[in-house]
Amino acid sequence: VPLYRKPATPCGPLRERYPPSSGGLEEDERNALSISAGYQY
């Protein structure tokens, strides 16, 4: 399981699902790991 990071921390240009937004924002919700939990995860 990845370490904790602030919400909306971007994952960089190599992420497939949502490439980073233009401008290199410090917060990018679509390009980041979602901070969530559920049954057995």
Full PDB file with SEQRES, HELIX, SHEET, SSBOND, CRYST1, ORIGX, SCALE, CONECT and MASTER records, all heavy atoms in Angstrom:
SEQRES   1 A   41  VAL PRO LEU TYR ARG LYS PRO ALA THR PRO CYS GLY PRO          
SEQRES   2 A   41  LEU ARG GLU ARG TYR PRO PRO SER SER GLY GLY LEU GLU          
SEQRES   3 A   41  GLU ASP GLU ARG ASN ALA LEU SER ILE SER ALA GLY TYR          
SEQRES   4 A   41  GLN TYR                                                      
CRYST1    1.000    1.000    1.000  90.00  90.00  90.00 P 1           1          
ORIGX1      1.000000  0.000000  0.000000        0.00000                         
ORIGX2      0.000000  1.000000  0.000000        0.00000                         
ORIGX3      0.000000  0.000000  1.000000        0.00000                         
SCALE1      1.000000  0.000000  0.000000        0.00000                         
SCALE2      0.000000  1.000000  0.000000        0.00000                         
SCALE3      0.000000  0.000000  1.000000        0.00000                         
ATOM      1  N   VAL A   1       0.854  -1.188   0.000  1.00  0.00           N  
ATOM      2  CA  VAL A   1       0.000   0.000   0.000  1.00  0.00           C  
ATOM      3  C   VAL A   1       0.893   1.242   0.000  1.00  0.00           C  
ATOM      4  O   VAL A   1       1.826   1.335   0.795  1.00  0.00           O  
ATOM      5  CB  VAL A   1      -0.931  -0.004   1.228  1.00  0.00           C  
ATOM      6  CG1 VAL A   1      -1.871   1.200   1.182  1.00  0.00           C  
ATOM      7  CG2 VAL A   1      -1.730  -1.302   1.293  1.00  0.00           C  
ATOM      8  N   PRO A   2       0.644   2.211  -0.875  1.00  0.00           N  
ATOM      9  CA  PRO A   2       1.480   3.421  -0.924  1.00  0.00           C  
ATOM     10  C   PRO A   2       1.427   4.210   0.381  1.00  0.00           C  
ATOM     11  O   PRO A   2       0.484   4.105   1.175  1.00  0.00           O  
ATOM     12  CB  PRO A   2       0.865   4.218  -2.081  1.00  0.00           C  
ATOM     13  CG  PRO A   2       0.134   3.214  -2.910  1.00  0.00           C  
ATOM     14  CD  PRO A   2      -0.361   2.176  -1.946  1.00  0.00           C  
ATOM     15  N   LEU A   3       2.478   4.998   0.600  1.00  0.00           N  
ATOM     16  CA  LEU A   3       2.537   5.861   1.772  1.00  0.00           C  
ATOM     17  C   LEU A   3       1.540   7.012   1.653  1.00  0.00           C  
ATOM     18  O   LEU A   3       1.061   7.351   0.567  1.00  0.00           O  
ATOM     19  CB  LEU A   3       3.948   6.425   1.946  1.00  0.00           C  
ATOM     20  CG  LEU A   3       5.092   5.420   2.156  1.00  0.00           C  
ATOM     21  CD1 LEU A   3       6.407   6.173   2.337  1.00  0.00           C  
ATOM     22  CD2 LEU A   3       4.818   4.509   3.340  1.00  0.00           C  
ATOM     23  N   TYR A   4       1.284   7.594   2.784  1.00  0.00           N  
ATOM     24  CA  TYR A   4       0.354   8.729   2.820  1.00  0.00           C  
ATOM     25  C   TYR A   4       0.945   9.926   2.078  1.00  0.00           C  
ATOM     26  O   TYR A   4       2.148  10.151   2.062  1.00  0.00           O  
ATOM     27  CB  TYR A   4       0.067   9.114   4.276  1.00  0.00           C  
ATOM     28  CG  TYR A   4      -0.801  10.340   4.413  1.00  0.00           C  
ATOM     29  CD1 TYR A   4      -2.183  10.251   4.312  1.00  0.00           C  
ATOM     30  CD2 TYR A   4      -0.220  11.596   4.629  1.00  0.00           C  
ATOM     31  CE1 TYR A   4      -2.977  11.383   4.422  1.00  0.00           C  
ATOM     32  CE2 TYR A   4      -1.002  12.733   4.749  1.00  0.00           C  
ATOM     33  CZ  TYR A   4      -2.385  12.614   4.634  1.00  0.00           C  
ATOM     34  OH  TYR A   4      -3.172  13.746   4.745  1.00  0.00           O  
ATOM     35  N   ARG A   5       0.065  10.659   1.427  1.00  0.00           N  
ATOM     36  CA  ARG A   5       0.427  11.937   0.823  1.00  0.00           C  
ATOM     37  C   ARG A   5      -0.795  12.839   0.884  1.00  0.00           C  
ATOM     38  O   ARG A   5      -1.940  12.370   1.077  1.00  0.00           O  
ATOM     39  CB  ARG A   5       0.927  11.765  -0.615  1.00  0.00           C  
ATOM     40  CG  ARG A   5      -0.092  11.465  -1.687  1.00  0.00           C  
ATOM     41  CD  ARG A   5      -0.538   9.990  -1.697  1.00  0.00           C  
ATOM     42  NE  ARG A   5       0.521   9.030  -1.621  1.00  0.00           N  
ATOM     43  CZ  ARG A   5       1.192   8.578  -2.696  1.00  0.00           C  
ATOM     44  NH1 ARG A   5       0.890   9.042  -3.894  1.00  0.00           N  
ATOM     45  NH2 ARG A   5       2.106   7.644  -2.555  1.00  0.00           N  
ATOM     46  N   LYS A   6      -0.586  14.120   0.748  1.00  0.00           N  
ATOM     47  CA  LYS A   6      -1.699  15.058   0.793  1.00  0.00           C  
ATOM     48  C   LYS A   6      -2.661  14.774  -0.358  1.00  0.00           C  
ATOM     49  O   LYS A   6      -2.243  14.346  -1.437  1.00  0.00           O  
ATOM     50  CB  LYS A   6      -1.184  16.495   0.693  1.00  0.00           C  
ATOM     51  CG  LYS A   6      -0.347  16.942   1.880  1.00  0.00           C  
ATOM     52  CD  LYS A   6       0.123  18.378   1.698  1.00  0.00           C  
ATOM     53  CE  LYS A   6       0.958  18.837   2.879  1.00  0.00           C  
ATOM     54  NZ  LYS A   6       1.438  20.246   2.713  1.00  0.00           N  
ATOM     55  N   PRO A   7      -3.944  15.000  -0.162  1.00  0.00           N  
ATOM     56  CA  PRO A   7      -4.893  14.807  -1.262  1.00  0.00           C  
ATOM     57  C   PRO A   7      -4.523  15.668  -2.468  1.00  0.00           C  
ATOM     58  O   PRO A   7      -3.983  16.761  -2.335  1.00  0.00           O  
ATOM     59  CB  PRO A   7      -6.235  15.229  -0.653  1.00  0.00           C  
ATOM     60  CG  PRO A   7      -6.061  15.048   0.819  1.00  0.00           C  
ATOM     61  CD  PRO A   7      -4.623  15.368   1.109  1.00  0.00           C  
ATOM     62  N   ALA A   8      -4.798  15.138  -3.643  1.00  0.00           N  
ATOM     63  CA  ALA A   8      -4.557  15.818  -4.921  1.00  0.00           C  
ATOM     64  C   ALA A   8      -3.079  15.983  -5.243  1.00  0.00           C  
ATOM     65  O   ALA A   8      -2.710  16.806  -6.085  1.00  0.00           O  
ATOM     66  CB  ALA A   8      -5.246  17.178  -4.955  1.00  0.00           C  
ATOM     67  N   THR A   9      -2.205  15.193  -4.598  1.00  0.00           N  
ATOM     68  CA  THR A   9      -0.787  15.241  -4.949  1.00  0.00           C  
ATOM     69  C   THR A   9      -0.591  14.573  -6.305  1.00  0.00           C  
ATOM     70  O   THR A   9      -0.897  13.386  -6.460  1.00  0.00           O  
ATOM     71  CB  THR A   9       0.063  14.532  -3.887  1.00  0.00           C  
ATOM     72  OG1 THR A   9      -0.133  15.154  -2.623  1.00  0.00           O  
ATOM     73  CG2 THR A   9       1.536  14.577  -4.254  1.00  0.00           C  
ATOM     74  N   PRO A  10      -0.109  15.286  -7.319  1.00  0.00           N  
ATOM     75  CA  PRO A  10      -0.013  14.712  -8.669  1.00  0.00           C  
ATOM     76  C   PRO A  10       0.996  13.570  -8.738  1.00  0.00           C  
ATOM     77  O   PRO A  10       1.981  13.533  -8.010  1.00  0.00           O  
ATOM     78  CB  PRO A  10       0.416  15.899  -9.537  1.00  0.00           C  
ATOM     79  CG  PRO A  10       1.057  16.859  -8.593  1.00  0.00           C  
ATOM     80  CD  PRO A  10       0.362  16.684  -7.276  1.00  0.00           C  
ATOM     81  N   CYS A  11       0.714  12.631  -9.646  1.00  0.00           N  
ATOM     82  CA  CYS A  11       1.561  11.449  -9.813  1.00  0.00           C  
ATOM     83  C   CYS A  11       2.557  11.572 -10.951  1.00  0.00           C  
ATOM     84  O   CYS A  11       3.378  10.670 -11.156  1.00  0.00           O  
ATOM     85  CB  CYS A  11       0.692  10.217 -10.042  1.00  0.00           C  
ATOM     86  SG  CYS A  11      -0.215   9.661  -8.583  1.00  0.00           S  
ATOM     87  N   GLY A  12       2.498  12.633 -11.723  1.00  0.00           N  
ATOM     88  CA  GLY A  12       3.489  12.832 -12.771  1.00  0.00           C  
ATOM     89  C   GLY A  12       2.988  12.458 -14.153  1.00  0.00           C  
ATOM     90  O   GLY A  12       1.891  11.926 -14.337  1.00  0.00           O  
ATOM     91  N   PRO A  13       3.810  12.723 -15.162  1.00  0.00           N  
ATOM     92  CA  PRO A  13       3.381  12.555 -16.561  1.00  0.00           C  
ATOM     93  C   PRO A  13       3.274  11.113 -17.034  1.00  0.00           C  
ATOM     94  O   PRO A  13       2.702  10.855 -18.096  1.00  0.00           O  
ATOM     95  CB  PRO A  13       4.470  13.303 -17.339  1.00  0.00           C  
ATOM     96  CG  PRO A  13       5.677  13.215 -16.463  1.00  0.00           C  
ATOM     97  CD  PRO A  13       5.166  13.266 -15.055  1.00  0.00           C  
ATOM     98  N   LEU A  14       3.822  10.148 -16.309  1.00  0.00           N  
ATOM     99  CA  LEU A  14       3.796   8.760 -16.748  1.00  0.00           C  
ATOM    100  C   LEU A  14       2.544   8.009 -16.299  1.00  0.00           C  
ATOM    101  O   LEU A  14       2.401   6.831 -16.610  1.00  0.00           O  
ATOM    102  CB  LEU A  14       5.041   8.025 -16.239  1.00  0.00           C  
ATOM    103  CG  LEU A  14       6.378   8.560 -16.747  1.00  0.00           C  
ATOM    104  CD1 LEU A  14       7.532   7.747 -16.170  1.00  0.00           C  
ATOM    105  CD2 LEU A  14       6.424   8.559 -18.271  1.00  0.00           C  
ATOM    106  N   ARG A  15       1.662   8.685 -15.613  1.00  0.00           N  
ATOM    107  CA  ARG A  15       0.411   8.053 -15.193  1.00  0.00           C  
ATOM    108  C   ARG A  15      -0.513   7.939 -16.400  1.00  0.00           C  
ATOM    109  O   ARG A  15      -0.712   8.896 -17.151  1.00  0.00           O  
ATOM    110  CB  ARG A  15      -0.238   8.852 -14.071  1.00  0.00           C  
ATOM    111  CG  ARG A  15      -1.439   8.162 -13.434  1.00  0.00           C  
ATOM    112  CD  ARG A  15      -1.804   8.864 -12.127  1.00  0.00           C  
ATOM    113  NE  ARG A  15      -2.969   8.311 -11.479  1.00  0.00           N  
ATOM    114  CZ  ARG A  15      -2.981   7.228 -10.723  1.00  0.00           C  
ATOM    115  NH1 ARG A  15      -1.830   6.576 -10.539  1.00  0.00           N  
ATOM    116  NH2 ARG A  15      -4.070   6.784 -10.151  1.00  0.00           N  
ATOM    117  N   GLU A  16      -1.122   6.773 -16.576  1.00  0.00           N  
ATOM    118  CA  GLU A  16      -1.909   6.513 -17.777  1.00  0.00           C  
ATOM    119  C   GLU A  16      -3.315   7.085 -17.713  1.00  0.00           C  
ATOM    120  O   GLU A  16      -3.800   7.665 -18.688  1.00  0.00           O  
ATOM    121  CB  GLU A  16      -1.991   4.995 -18.016  1.00  0.00           C  
ATOM    122  CG  GLU A  16      -2.875   4.595 -19.179  1.00  0.00           C  
ATOM    123  CD  GLU A  16      -3.017   3.092 -19.300  1.00  0.00           C  
ATOM    124  OE1 GLU A  16      -2.106   2.353 -18.865  1.00  0.00           O  
ATOM    125  OE2 GLU A  16      -4.055   2.652 -19.822  1.00  0.00           O  
ATOM    126  N   ARG A  17      -3.974   6.942 -16.587  1.00  0.00           N  
ATOM    127  CA  ARG A  17      -5.407   7.250 -16.536  1.00  0.00           C  
ATOM    128  C   ARG A  17      -5.698   8.712 -16.859  1.00  0.00           C  
ATOM    129  O   ARG A  17      -6.495   9.023 -17.719  1.00  0.00           O  
ATOM    130  CB  ARG A  17      -5.952   6.898 -15.150  1.00  0.00           C  
ATOM    131  CG  ARG A  17      -6.012   5.397 -14.897  1.00  0.00           C  
ATOM    132  CD  ARG A  17      -6.376   5.113 -13.459  1.00  0.00           C  
ATOM    133  NE  ARG A  17      -6.393   3.677 -13.186  1.00  0.00           N  
ATOM    134  CZ  ARG A  17      -6.366   3.162 -11.963  1.00  0.00           C  
ATOM    135  NH1 ARG A  17      -6.299   3.969 -10.913  1.00  0.00           N  
ATOM    136  NH2 ARG A  17      -6.395   1.858 -11.792  1.00  0.00           N  
ATOM    137  N   TYR A  18      -5.027   9.604 -16.147  1.00  0.00           N  
ATOM    138  CA  TYR A  18      -5.254  11.035 -16.365  1.00  0.00           C  
ATOM    139  C   TYR A  18      -3.906  11.734 -16.387  1.00  0.00           C  
ATOM    140  O   TYR A  18      -3.290  11.930 -15.338  1.00  0.00           O  
ATOM    141  CB  TYR A  18      -6.134  11.626 -15.261  1.00  0.00           C  
ATOM    142  CG  TYR A  18      -7.490  10.982 -15.162  1.00  0.00           C  
ATOM    143  CD1 TYR A  18      -7.796  10.117 -14.119  1.00  0.00           C  
ATOM    144  CD2 TYR A  18      -8.470  11.239 -16.122  1.00  0.00           C  
ATOM    145  CE1 TYR A  18      -9.042   9.522 -14.027  1.00  0.00           C  
ATOM    146  CE2 TYR A  18      -9.719  10.644 -16.032  1.00  0.00           C  
ATOM    147  CZ  TYR A  18      -9.999   9.787 -14.987  1.00  0.00           C  
ATOM    148  OH  TYR A  18     -11.230   9.192 -14.906  1.00  0.00           O  
ATOM    149  N   PRO A  19      -3.418  12.083 -17.556  1.00  0.00           N  
ATOM    150  CA  PRO A  19      -2.156  12.835 -17.616  1.00  0.00           C  
ATOM    151  C   PRO A  19      -2.277  14.140 -16.832  1.00  0.00           C  
ATOM    152  O   PRO A  19      -3.379  14.649 -16.618  1.00  0.00           O  
ATOM    153  CB  PRO A  19      -1.974  13.096 -19.114  1.00  0.00           C  
ATOM    154  CG  PRO A  19      -2.800  12.051 -19.781  1.00  0.00           C  
ATOM    155  CD  PRO A  19      -3.964  11.801 -18.868  1.00  0.00           C  
ATOM    156  N   PRO A  20      -1.148  14.651 -16.371  1.00  0.00           N  
ATOM    157  CA  PRO A  20      -1.218  15.872 -15.548  1.00  0.00           C  
ATOM    158  C   PRO A  20      -1.778  17.053 -16.324  1.00  0.00           C  
ATOM    159  O   PRO A  20      -1.644  17.156 -17.546  1.00  0.00           O  
ATOM    160  CB  PRO A  20       0.244  16.099 -15.141  1.00  0.00           C  
ATOM    161  CG  PRO A  20       1.046  15.388 -16.189  1.00  0.00           C  
ATOM    162  CD  PRO A  20       0.228  14.201 -16.589  1.00  0.00           C  
ATOM    163  N   SER A  21      -2.414  17.931 -15.589  1.00  0.00           N  
ATOM    164  CA  SER A  21      -2.944  19.147 -16.203  1.00  0.00           C  
ATOM    165  C   SER A  21      -1.803  20.039 -16.648  1.00  0.00           C  
ATOM    166  O   SER A  21      -0.679  19.958 -16.146  1.00  0.00           O  
ATOM    167  CB  SER A  21      -3.835  19.895 -15.210  1.00  0.00           C  
ATOM    168  OG  SER A  21      -4.885  19.066 -14.752  1.00  0.00           O  
ATOM    169  N   SER A  22      -2.080  20.885 -17.607  1.00  0.00           N  
ATOM    170  CA  SER A  22      -1.052  21.789 -18.116  1.00  0.00           C  
ATOM    171  C   SER A  22      -0.661  22.792 -17.035  1.00  0.00           C  
ATOM    172  O   SER A  22      -1.476  23.213 -16.227  1.00  0.00           O  
ATOM    173  CB  SER A  22      -1.582  22.532 -19.349  1.00  0.00           C  
ATOM    174  OG  SER A  22      -2.743  23.272 -19.023  1.00  0.00           O  
ATOM    175  N   GLY A  23       0.612  23.137 -17.029  1.00  0.00           N  
ATOM    176  CA  GLY A  23       1.089  24.127 -16.081  1.00  0.00           C  
ATOM    177  C   GLY A  23       1.790  23.544 -14.889  1.00  0.00           C  
ATOM    178  O   GLY A  23       2.381  24.277 -14.098  1.00  0.00           O  
ATOM    179  N   GLY A  24       1.772  22.192 -14.700  1.00  0.00           N  
ATOM    180  CA  GLY A  24       2.474  21.595 -13.573  1.00  0.00           C  
ATOM    181  C   GLY A  24       1.951  22.054 -12.231  1.00  0.00           C  
ATOM    182  O   GLY A  24       2.707  22.553 -11.387  1.00  0.00           O  
ATOM    183  N   LEU A  25       0.657  21.881 -11.996  1.00  0.00           N  
ATOM    184  CA  LEU A  25       0.055  22.335 -10.745  1.00  0.00           C  
ATOM    185  C   LEU A  25       0.548  21.500  -9.578  1.00  0.00           C  
ATOM    186  O   LEU A  25       0.863  20.316  -9.711  1.00  0.00           O  
ATOM    187  CB  LEU A  25      -1.471  22.245 -10.846  1.00  0.00           C  
ATOM    188  CG  LEU A  25      -2.129  23.051 -11.985  1.00  0.00           C  
ATOM    189  CD1 LEU A  25      -3.632  22.805 -11.988  1.00  0.00           C  
ATOM    190  CD2 LEU A  25      -1.824  24.530 -11.823  1.00  0.00           C  
ATOM    191  N   GLU A  26       0.616  22.094  -8.406  1.00  0.00           N  
ATOM    192  CA  GLU A  26       0.999  21.370  -7.201  1.00  0.00           C  
ATOM    193  C   GLU A  26      -0.113  20.442  -6.735  1.00  0.00           C  
ATOM    194  O   GLU A  26       0.151  19.465  -6.040  1.00  0.00           O  
ATOM    195  CB  GLU A  26       1.359  22.349  -6.087  1.00  0.00           C  
ATOM    196  CG  GLU A  26       2.625  23.165  -6.369  1.00  0.00           C  
ATOM    197  CD  GLU A  26       3.012  24.012  -5.186  1.00  0.00           C  
ATOM    198  OE1 GLU A  26       2.305  23.927  -4.156  1.00  0.00           O  
ATOM    199  OE2 GLU A  26       4.001  24.760  -5.273  1.00  0.00           O  
ATOM    200  N   GLU A  27      -1.342  20.741  -7.099  1.00  0.00           N  
ATOM    201  CA  GLU A  27      -2.475  19.883  -6.776  1.00  0.00           C  
ATOM    202  C   GLU A  27      -3.228  19.569  -8.064  1.00  0.00           C  
ATOM    203  O   GLU A  27      -3.579  20.461  -8.827  1.00  0.00           O  
ATOM    204  CB  GLU A  27      -3.409  20.559  -5.759  1.00  0.00           C  
ATOM    205  CG  GLU A  27      -2.779  20.768  -4.399  1.00  0.00           C  
ATOM    206  CD  GLU A  27      -3.792  21.312  -3.390  1.00  0.00           C  
ATOM    207  OE1 GLU A  27      -4.966  21.503  -3.792  1.00  0.00           O  
ATOM    208  OE2 GLU A  27      -3.400  21.540  -2.233  1.00  0.00           O  
ATOM    209  N   ASP A  28      -3.429  18.287  -8.291  1.00  0.00           N  
ATOM    210  CA  ASP A  28      -4.123  17.841  -9.506  1.00  0.00           C  
ATOM    211  C   ASP A  28      -4.948  16.620  -9.120  1.00  0.00           C  
ATOM    212  O   ASP A  28      -4.435  15.498  -9.054  1.00  0.00           O  
ATOM    213  CB  ASP A  28      -3.109  17.508 -10.603  1.00  0.00           C  
ATOM    214  CG  ASP A  28      -3.763  17.295 -11.954  1.00  0.00           C  
ATOM    215  OD1 ASP A  28      -5.000  17.157 -12.008  1.00  0.00           O  
ATOM    216  OD2 ASP A  28      -3.037  17.269 -12.965  1.00  0.00           O  
ATOM    217  N   GLU A  29      -6.211  16.820  -8.899  1.00  0.00           N  
ATOM    218  CA  GLU A  29      -7.079  15.765  -8.380  1.00  0.00           C  
ATOM    219  C   GLU A  29      -7.171  14.580  -9.338  1.00  0.00           C  
ATOM    220  O   GLU A  29      -7.161  13.420  -8.910  1.00  0.00           O  
ATOM    221  CB  GLU A  29      -8.476  16.335  -8.109  1.00  0.00           C  
ATOM    222  CG  GLU A  29      -9.425  15.359  -7.437  1.00  0.00           C  
ATOM    223  CD  GLU A  29      -9.024  15.064  -5.992  1.00  0.00           C  
ATOM    224  OE1 GLU A  29      -8.480  15.960  -5.326  1.00  0.00           O  
ATOM    225  OE2 GLU A  29      -9.243  13.923  -5.548  1.00  0.00           O  
ATOM    226  N   ARG A  30      -7.269  14.849 -10.633  1.00  0.00           N  
ATOM    227  CA  ARG A  30      -7.440  13.765 -11.599  1.00  0.00           C  
ATOM    228  C   ARG A  30      -6.169  12.938 -11.754  1.00  0.00           C  
ATOM    229  O   ARG A  30      -6.229  11.732 -12.010  1.00  0.00           O  
ATOM    230  CB  ARG A  30      -7.850  14.342 -12.955  1.00  0.00           C  
ATOM    231  CG  ARG A  30      -9.235  14.956 -12.973  1.00  0.00           C  
ATOM    232  CD  ARG A  30      -9.474  15.738 -14.259  1.00  0.00           C  
ATOM    233  NE  ARG A  30      -9.320  14.914 -15.442  1.00  0.00           N  
ATOM    234  CZ  ARG A  30     -10.302  14.180 -15.981  1.00  0.00           C  
ATOM    235  NH1 ARG A  30     -11.503  14.174 -15.421  1.00  0.00           N  
ATOM    236  NH2 ARG A  30     -10.096  13.458 -17.065  1.00  0.00           N  
ATOM    237  N   ASN A  31      -5.017  13.551 -11.608  1.00  0.00           N  
ATOM    238  CA  ASN A  31      -3.751  12.868 -11.797  1.00  0.00           C  
ATOM    239  C   ASN A  31      -3.229  12.217 -10.521  1.00  0.00           C  
ATOM    240  O   ASN A  31      -2.207  11.542 -10.544  1.00  0.00           O  
ATOM    241  CB  ASN A  31      -2.707  13.868 -12.332  1.00  0.00           C  
ATOM    242  CG  ASN A  31      -1.382  13.218 -12.669  1.00  0.00           C  
ATOM    243  OD1 ASN A  31      -0.375  13.458 -12.015  1.00  0.00           O  
ATOM    244  ND2 ASN A  31      -1.369  12.382 -13.698  1.00  0.00           N  
ATOM    245  N   ALA A  32      -3.946  12.361  -9.416  1.00  0.00           N  
ATOM    246  CA  ALA A  32      -3.459  11.900  -8.113  1.00  0.00           C  
ATOM    247  C   ALA A  32      -4.129  10.595  -7.696  1.00  0.00           C  
ATOM    248  O   ALA A  32      -5.163  10.196  -8.249  1.00  0.00           O  
ATOM    249  CB  ALA A  32      -3.713  12.970  -7.057  1.00  0.00           C  
ATOM    250  N   LEU A  33      -3.514   9.922  -6.706  1.00  0.00           N  
ATOM    251  CA  LEU A  33      -4.155   8.787  -6.057  1.00  0.00           C  
ATOM    252  C   LEU A  33      -5.308   9.297  -5.195  1.00  0.00           C  
ATOM    253  O   LEU A  33      -5.163  10.293  -4.489  1.00  0.00           O  
ATOM    254  CB  LEU A  33      -3.163   8.031  -5.167  1.00  0.00           C  
ATOM    255  CG  LEU A  33      -2.415   6.843  -5.781  1.00  0.00           C  
ATOM    256  CD1 LEU A  33      -1.455   7.320  -6.861  1.00  0.00           C  
ATOM    257  CD2 LEU A  33      -1.650   6.085  -4.696  1.00  0.00           C  
ATOM    258  N   SER A  34      -6.419   8.608  -5.268  1.00  0.00           N  
ATOM    259  CA  SER A  34      -7.553   9.002  -4.431  1.00  0.00           C  
ATOM    260  C   SER A  34      -7.326   8.526  -3.002  1.00  0.00           C  
ATOM    261  O   SER A  34      -6.830   7.420  -2.770  1.00  0.00           O  
ATOM    262  CB  SER A  34      -8.854   8.399  -4.971  1.00  0.00           C  
ATOM    263  OG  SER A  34      -8.794   6.986  -4.958  1.00  0.00           O  
ATOM    264  N   ILE A  35      -7.652   9.385  -2.046  1.00  0.00           N  
ATOM    265  CA  ILE A  35      -7.515   9.028  -0.630  1.00  0.00           C  
ATOM    266  C   ILE A  35      -8.862   8.465  -0.180  1.00  0.00           C  
ATOM    267  O   ILE A  35      -9.791   9.193   0.173  1.00  0.00           O  
ATOM    268  CB  ILE A  35      -7.127  10.256   0.218  1.00  0.00           C  
ATOM    269  CG1 ILE A  35      -5.921  10.973  -0.420  1.00  0.00           C  
ATOM    270  CG2 ILE A  35      -6.815   9.841   1.637  1.00  0.00           C  
ATOM    271  CD1 ILE A  35      -4.687  10.134  -0.541  1.00  0.00           C  
ATOM    272  N   SER A  36      -8.999   7.153  -0.259  1.00  0.00           N  
ATOM    273  CA  SER A  36     -10.280   6.511   0.051  1.00  0.00           C  
ATOM    274  C   SER A  36     -10.022   5.127   0.617  1.00  0.00           C  
ATOM    275  O   SER A  36      -8.899   4.619   0.588  1.00  0.00           O  
ATOM    276  CB  SER A  36     -11.162   6.433  -1.201  1.00  0.00           C  
ATOM    277  OG  SER A  36     -10.510   5.691  -2.219  1.00  0.00           O  
ATOM    278  N   ALA A  37     -11.078   4.514   1.141  1.00  0.00           N  
ATOM    279  CA  ALA A  37     -10.988   3.188   1.743  1.00  0.00           C  
ATOM    280  C   ALA A  37     -12.339   2.498   1.607  1.00  0.00           C  
ATOM    281  O   ALA A  37     -13.360   3.122   1.309  1.00  0.00           O  
ATOM    282  CB  ALA A  37     -10.567   3.268   3.212  1.00  0.00           C  
ATOM    283  N   GLY A  38     -12.350   1.183   1.769  1.00  0.00           N  
ATOM    284  CA  GLY A  38     -13.568   0.393   1.673  1.00  0.00           C  
ATOM    285  C   GLY A  38     -13.344  -0.998   2.209  1.00  0.00           C  
ATOM    286  O   GLY A  38     -12.424  -1.237   2.998  1.00  0.00           O  
ATOM    287  N   TYR A  39     -14.199  -1.934   1.747  1.00  0.00           N  
ATOM    288  CA  TYR A  39     -14.101  -3.308   2.229  1.00  0.00           C  
ATOM    289  C   TYR A  39     -12.762  -3.918   1.812  1.00  0.00           C  
ATOM    290  O   TYR A  39     -12.463  -4.063   0.632  1.00  0.00           O  
ATOM    291  CB  TYR A  39     -15.252  -4.146   1.665  1.00  0.00           C  
ATOM    292  CG  TYR A  39     -15.122  -5.626   1.951  1.00  0.00           C  
ATOM    293  CD1 TYR A  39     -15.335  -6.129   3.237  1.00  0.00           C  
ATOM    294  CD2 TYR A  39     -14.774  -6.517   0.950  1.00  0.00           C  
ATOM    295  CE1 TYR A  39     -15.204  -7.478   3.502  1.00  0.00           C  
ATOM    296  CE2 TYR A  39     -14.647  -7.875   1.196  1.00  0.00           C  
ATOM    297  CZ  TYR A  39     -14.858  -8.351   2.479  1.00  0.00           C  
ATOM    298  OH  TYR A  39     -14.733  -9.692   2.743  1.00  0.00           O  
ATOM    299  N   GLN A  40     -11.949  -4.239   2.780  1.00  0.00           N  
ATOM    300  CA  GLN A  40     -10.675  -4.923   2.602  1.00  0.00           C  
ATOM    301  C   GLN A  40      -9.687  -4.138   1.724  1.00  0.00           C  
ATOM    302  O   GLN A  40      -8.828  -4.738   1.077  1.00  0.00           O  
ATOM    303  CB  GLN A  40     -10.894  -6.319   1.999  1.00  0.00           C  
ATOM    304  CG  GLN A  40     -11.700  -7.261   2.871  1.00  0.00           C  
ATOM    305  CD  GLN A  40     -10.894  -7.879   3.998  1.00  0.00           C  
ATOM    306  OE1 GLN A  40     -10.046  -7.241   4.594  1.00  0.00           O  
ATOM    307  NE2 GLN A  40     -11.177  -9.135   4.309  1.00  0.00           N  
ATOM    308  N   TYR A  41      -9.798  -2.821   1.703  1.00  0.00           N  
ATOM    309  CA  TYR A  41      -8.787  -2.055   0.974  1.00  0.00           C  
ATOM    310  C   TYR A  41      -8.691  -0.648   1.546  1.00  0.00           C  
ATOM    311  O   TYR A  41      -9.600  -0.135   2.205  1.00  0.00           O  
ATOM    312  CB  TYR A  41      -9.113  -1.980  -0.529  1.00  0.00           C  
ATOM    313  CG  TYR A  41     -10.101  -0.901  -0.904  1.00  0.00           C  
ATOM    314  CD1 TYR A  41      -9.679   0.371  -1.289  1.00  0.00           C  
ATOM    315  CD2 TYR A  41     -11.472  -1.150  -0.880  1.00  0.00           C  
ATOM    316  CE1 TYR A  41     -10.583   1.366  -1.632  1.00  0.00           C  
ATOM    317  CE2 TYR A  41     -12.391  -0.172  -1.221  1.00  0.00           C  
ATOM    318  CZ  TYR A  41     -11.943   1.081  -1.597  1.00  0.00           C  
ATOM    319  OH  TYR A  41     -12.842   2.056  -1.935  1.00  0.00           O  
TER     320      TYR A  41                                                      
MASTER        0    0    0    0    0    0    0    6  319    1    0    4          
END                                                                             
